[in-house]
């Protein structure tokens, strides 16, 4: 039984590392732009910030869509691994052992 637990822990660790590697394919999370103080900012500073915020929102939406896809893929993979493990674990438990 200890071998089974070790295999489960190893599989979980491998999936976590795999998921992190796939998340890197989405690129870095967009950097949060500086927001000027509306009371003291110039027209030019507000216009510049507006462009940066627009680009940030576009980049963040793309990033979130990518990460969301990676999460769905990781969940599907984890479910498949869990189901396959359950099947093989049941076979192992119910197979007579040679002495």
Protein backbone atom coordinates (compact mmCIF):
# COMPACT_ATOMS: atom_id res chain seq x y z
CA UNK A 1 0.00 0.00 0.00
CA UNK A 2 2.95 2.31 0.68
CA UNK A 3 4.09 1.83 -2.93
CA UNK A 4 0.65 2.90 -4.16
CA UNK A 5 0.72 6.07 -2.04
CA UNK A 6 4.22 6.89 -3.26
CA UNK A 7 3.11 6.46 -6.87
CA UNK A 8 0.11 8.74 -6.32
CA UNK A 9 2.27 11.45 -4.74
CA UNK A 10 4.81 11.17 -7.55
CA UNK A 11 2.06 11.41 -10.18
CA UNK A 12 0.58 14.49 -8.48
CA UNK A 13 3.99 16.17 -8.36
CA UNK A 14 4.62 15.38 -12.02
CA UNK A 15 1.24 16.83 -13.01
CA UNK A 16 1.93 20.00 -11.02
CA UNK A 17 5.30 20.49 -12.74
CA UNK A 18 3.73 19.73 -16.12
CA UNK A 19 0.95 22.25 -15.51
CA UNK A 20 3.45 24.94 -14.53
CA UNK A 21 5.45 24.29 -17.67
CA UNK A 22 2.33 24.54 -19.82
CA UNK A 23 1.25 27.74 -18.09
CA UNK A 24 4.60 29.25 -19.10
CA UNK A 25 3.50 28.79 -22.72
CA UNK A 26 0.97 31.53 -22.07
CA UNK A 27 3.80 33.96 -21.52
CA UNK A 28 4.28 36.29 -18.61
CA UNK A 29 1.29 37.88 -16.96
CA UNK A 30 0.97 41.46 -18.26
CA UNK A 31 2.48 44.08 -15.98
CA UNK A 32 -0.05 46.29 -14.20
CA UNK A 33 0.17 49.84 -15.58
CA UNK A 34 0.59 52.84 -13.32
CA UNK A 35 -2.66 54.76 -12.89
CA UNK A 36 -2.20 58.51 -12.52
CA UNK A 37 -3.96 60.47 -9.80
CA UNK A 38 -7.00 62.02 -11.48
CA UNK A 39 -6.80 65.14 -9.27
CA UNK A 40 -3.28 66.07 -10.31
CA UNK A 41 -2.64 64.37 -13.68
CA UNK A 42 -2.24 66.33 -16.89
CA UNK A 43 -4.32 65.65 -19.99
CA UNK A 44 -1.25 64.08 -21.60
CA UNK A 45 -0.63 61.76 -18.62
CA UNK A 46 -4.27 60.61 -18.67
CA UNK A 47 -4.19 59.97 -22.45
CA UNK A 48 -0.95 58.01 -22.11
CA UNK A 49 -2.35 55.99 -19.21
CA UNK A 50 -5.54 55.28 -21.16
CA UNK A 51 -3.49 53.67 -23.94
CA UNK A 52 -1.50 51.63 -21.43
CA UNK A 53 -4.66 50.48 -19.64
CA UNK A 54 -6.29 49.50 -22.94
CA UNK A 55 -3.22 47.45 -23.91
CA UNK A 56 -3.09 45.93 -20.43
CA UNK A 57 -6.75 44.83 -20.60
CA UNK A 58 -6.26 43.31 -24.05
CA UNK A 59 -3.12 41.50 -22.92
CA UNK A 60 -4.72 40.31 -19.69
CA UNK A 61 -7.78 38.99 -21.54
CA UNK A 62 -5.53 36.98 -23.87
CA UNK A 63 -3.47 35.73 -20.92
CA UNK A 64 -6.57 34.69 -18.97
CA UNK A 65 -8.00 32.89 -21.99
CA UNK A 66 -4.74 30.97 -22.42
CA UNK A 67 -4.45 30.08 -18.73
CA UNK A 68 -8.10 29.03 -18.69
CA UNK A 69 -7.42 26.64 -21.55
CA UNK A 70 -4.40 25.23 -19.73
CA UNK A 71 -6.47 24.68 -16.59
CA UNK A 72 -9.17 22.84 -18.55
CA UNK A 73 -6.52 20.70 -20.21
CA UNK A 74 -4.83 19.95 -16.87
CA UNK A 75 -8.16 18.97 -15.27
CA UNK A 76 -8.91 16.61 -18.16
CA UNK A 77 -5.46 15.06 -17.91
CA UNK A 78 -5.74 14.66 -14.14
CA UNK A 79 -9.12 12.97 -14.50
CA UNK A 80 -7.74 10.55 -17.08
CA UNK A 81 -4.71 9.74 -14.93
CA UNK A 82 -6.93 9.21 -11.90
CA UNK A 83 -9.29 6.91 -13.81
CA UNK A 84 -6.41 4.93 -15.32
CA UNK A 85 -4.77 4.61 -11.90
CA UNK A 86 -8.02 3.40 -10.33
CA UNK A 87 -8.43 0.72 -13.01
CA UNK A 88 -4.88 -0.54 -12.67
CA UNK A 89 -4.95 -0.36 -8.88
CA UNK A 90 -8.11 -2.50 -8.87
CA UNK A 91 -6.45 -5.01 -11.20
CA UNK A 92 -3.40 -5.08 -8.93
CA UNK A 93 -5.46 -5.66 -5.79
CA UNK A 94 -7.52 -8.43 -7.39
CA UNK A 95 -4.69 -10.28 -9.14
CA UNK A 96 -3.46 -13.31 -7.20
CA UNK A 97 0.18 -12.93 -6.21
CA UNK A 98 2.72 -15.68 -6.82
CA UNK A 99 4.41 -16.86 -3.66
